[in-house]
Amino acid sequence: MTALTRKILFVDDEELQGKLMQRMLAGMGYDAKVAKNAKEALEILDNEEFPLIITDLSMPEMNGIELCKRIRKFNSESFIYAFSGYLAEFDFEKLEGFGFNGHLRKPITSEVLKCAIEGAFEKIDKSKKLANHITKTVN
């Protein structure tokens, strides 16, 4: 995979969770950036592309659902995971309707996280290959 496909944006208002996740992701070989809230995430996304975004659902000011909706207005290609310790409160079909590609439950083990991330990158790569094939076929 190229360097771009290894980039992950993690969004969580809990500072300790952000530091822990950044350490875990870096230890797995990913280029991870952490945003402490949805506003900061949108500012980062104005300047950088991330094929994978993992966002907490419960954050002050703008929650993860609103963040996902806003991202989808300008980016339909990134894979976005909802991340929460309270997933039982959310309907998974509704999360998909808001633009999420999947969900992860807090707390998460490094094994589950790595499997979810690799699955996301596999889907991203397949999507890019399909888009390239369609482009070549059309041209």
Protein backbone atom coordinates (compact mmCIF):
# COMPACT_ATOMS: atom_id res chain seq x y z
CA MET A 1 0.00 0.00 0.00
CA THR A 2 1.12 3.53 -0.61
CA ALA A 3 1.74 5.98 2.22
CA LEU A 4 -1.62 7.64 1.56
CA THR A 5 -3.54 4.42 2.07
CA ARG A 6 -1.93 3.93 5.50
CA LYS A 7 -3.20 7.27 6.87
CA ILE A 8 -5.87 7.29 9.57
CA LEU A 9 -7.64 10.20 11.22
CA PHE A 10 -8.88 9.38 14.72
CA VAL A 11 -11.40 11.75 16.33
CA ASP A 12 -12.20 11.64 20.05
CA ASP A 13 -12.70 14.32 22.67
CA GLU A 14 -11.14 12.14 25.39
CA GLU A 15 -7.45 13.09 25.42
CA LEU A 16 -6.32 9.81 26.98
CA GLN A 17 -8.26 7.81 24.36
CA GLY A 18 -6.63 9.84 21.57
CA LYS A 19 -3.12 9.30 22.94
CA LEU A 20 -3.74 5.58 23.45
CA MET A 21 -5.15 5.15 19.95
CA GLN A 22 -2.32 7.12 18.34
CA ARG A 23 0.21 4.91 20.13
CA MET A 24 -1.63 1.72 19.12
CA LEU A 25 -1.96 2.78 15.49
CA ALA A 26 1.66 3.89 15.23
CA GLY A 27 2.75 0.58 16.75
CA MET A 28 0.81 -1.20 14.00
CA GLY A 29 2.61 0.82 11.32
CA TYR A 30 -0.12 3.32 10.46
CA ASP A 31 0.32 7.05 9.99
CA ALA A 32 -2.25 8.30 12.49
CA LYS A 33 -3.37 11.81 13.27
CA VAL A 34 -5.65 12.61 16.20
CA ALA A 35 -8.27 15.36 16.35
CA LYS A 36 -9.69 16.28 19.74
CA ASN A 37 -13.11 17.23 18.35
CA ALA A 38 -15.17 17.34 15.18
CA LYS A 39 -14.26 20.95 14.36
CA GLU A 40 -10.55 20.14 14.49
CA ALA A 41 -11.16 17.05 12.34
CA LEU A 42 -12.85 19.15 9.65
CA GLU A 43 -9.94 21.63 9.71
CA ILE A 44 -7.47 18.76 9.27
CA LEU A 45 -9.56 17.33 6.42
CA ASP A 46 -9.43 20.71 4.65
CA ASN A 47 -5.68 20.19 4.22
CA GLU A 48 -5.13 16.43 4.14
CA GLU A 49 -6.75 13.31 2.78
CA PHE A 50 -7.37 10.29 4.96
CA PRO A 51 -8.72 7.09 3.45
CA LEU A 52 -9.80 5.91 6.91
CA ILE A 53 -11.50 7.98 9.60
CA ILE A 54 -12.47 6.62 13.01
CA THR A 55 -14.70 8.92 15.05
CA ASP A 56 -16.24 8.81 18.47
CA LEU A 57 -20.00 9.28 18.35
CA SER A 58 -20.46 11.16 21.64
CA MET A 59 -18.61 14.48 21.58
CA PRO A 60 -19.61 17.96 22.72
CA GLU A 61 -20.57 20.68 20.23
CA MET A 62 -20.69 18.35 17.19
CA ASN A 63 -21.16 14.61 17.59
CA GLY A 64 -19.72 11.90 15.35
CA ILE A 65 -22.93 11.53 13.36
CA GLU A 66 -22.96 15.20 12.37
CA LEU A 67 -19.24 14.98 11.60
CA CYS A 68 -19.83 12.00 9.32
CA LYS A 69 -22.66 13.82 7.51
CA ARG A 70 -20.44 16.85 6.94
CA ILE A 71 -17.54 14.72 5.69
CA ARG A 72 -19.85 12.95 3.25
CA LYS A 73 -20.81 16.30 1.68
CA PHE A 74 -17.28 16.62 0.25
CA ASN A 75 -15.86 13.12 0.54
CA SER A 76 -17.67 9.98 -0.49
CA GLU A 77 -14.56 7.82 -0.72
CA SER A 78 -13.12 7.70 2.81
CA PHE A 79 -14.05 4.72 4.94
CA ILE A 80 -15.60 5.97 8.20
CA TYR A 81 -15.97 3.91 11.37
CA ALA A 82 -18.25 4.96 14.24
CA PHE A 83 -16.43 4.37 17.55
CA SER A 84 -18.31 4.30 20.84
CA GLY A 85 -18.75 2.57 24.14
CA TYR A 86 -22.49 3.13 23.79
CA LEU A 87 -23.23 1.43 20.48
CA ALA A 88 -26.30 -0.26 21.96
CA GLU A 89 -27.96 3.18 21.85
CA PHE A 90 -27.53 3.40 18.07
CA ASP A 91 -29.31 1.59 15.26
CA PHE A 92 -26.65 0.21 12.92
CA GLU A 93 -28.81 0.72 9.83
CA LYS A 94 -29.25 4.37 10.79
CA LEU A 95 -25.49 4.72 11.22
CA GLU A 96 -25.06 3.41 7.67
CA GLY A 97 -27.73 5.88 6.53
CA PHE A 98 -25.67 8.71 8.03
CA GLY A 99 -22.67 7.60 5.97
CA PHE A 100 -20.73 5.27 8.25
CA ASN A 101 -19.13 2.19 6.70
CA GLY A 102 -18.96 0.29 9.99
CA HIS A 103 -18.69 0.56 13.74
CA LEU A 104 -16.24 -0.31 16.49
CA ARG A 105 -16.99 -0.74 20.18
CA LYS A 106 -14.97 0.77 23.04
CA PRO A 107 -12.92 -0.62 24.63
CA ILE A 108 -11.21 -2.25 21.68
CA THR A 109 -8.35 -4.72 21.61
CA SER A 110 -5.41 -4.16 19.29
CA GLU A 111 -6.25 -7.42 17.48
CA VAL A 112 -9.83 -6.34 16.72
CA LEU A 113 -8.65 -2.85 15.74
CA LYS A 114 -5.99 -4.20 13.35
CA CYS A 115 -8.48 -6.60 11.76
CA ALA A 116 -11.05 -3.80 11.28
CA ILE A 117 -8.44 -1.45 9.80
CA GLU A 118 -7.06 -4.03 7.40
CA GLY A 119 -10.60 -4.89 6.32
CA ALA A 120 -11.28 -1.21 5.65
CA PHE A 121 -8.07 -0.81 3.63
CA GLU A 122 -8.90 -3.93 1.59
CA LYS A 123 -12.29 -2.42 0.70
CA ILE A 124 -10.65 0.93 -0.10
CA ASP A 125 -8.14 -0.78 -2.41
CA LYS A 126 -10.88 -2.79 -4.16
CA SER A 127 -12.90 0.38 -4.69
CA LYS A 128 -9.89 2.19 -6.19
CA LYS A 129 -9.09 -0.73 -8.48
CA LEU A 130 -12.69 -0.82 -9.67
CA ALA A 131 -12.70 2.95 -10.27
CA ASN A 132 -9.43 2.69 -12.23
CA HIS A 133 -10.82 -0.18 -14.30
CA ILE A 134 -13.99 1.77 -15.10
CA THR A 135 -11.93 4.84 -16.04
CA LYS A 136 -9.73 2.77 -18.37
CA THR A 137 -12.77 1.08 -19.91
CA VAL A 138 -14.55 4.39 -20.54
CA ASN A 139 -11.48 6.06 -22.01
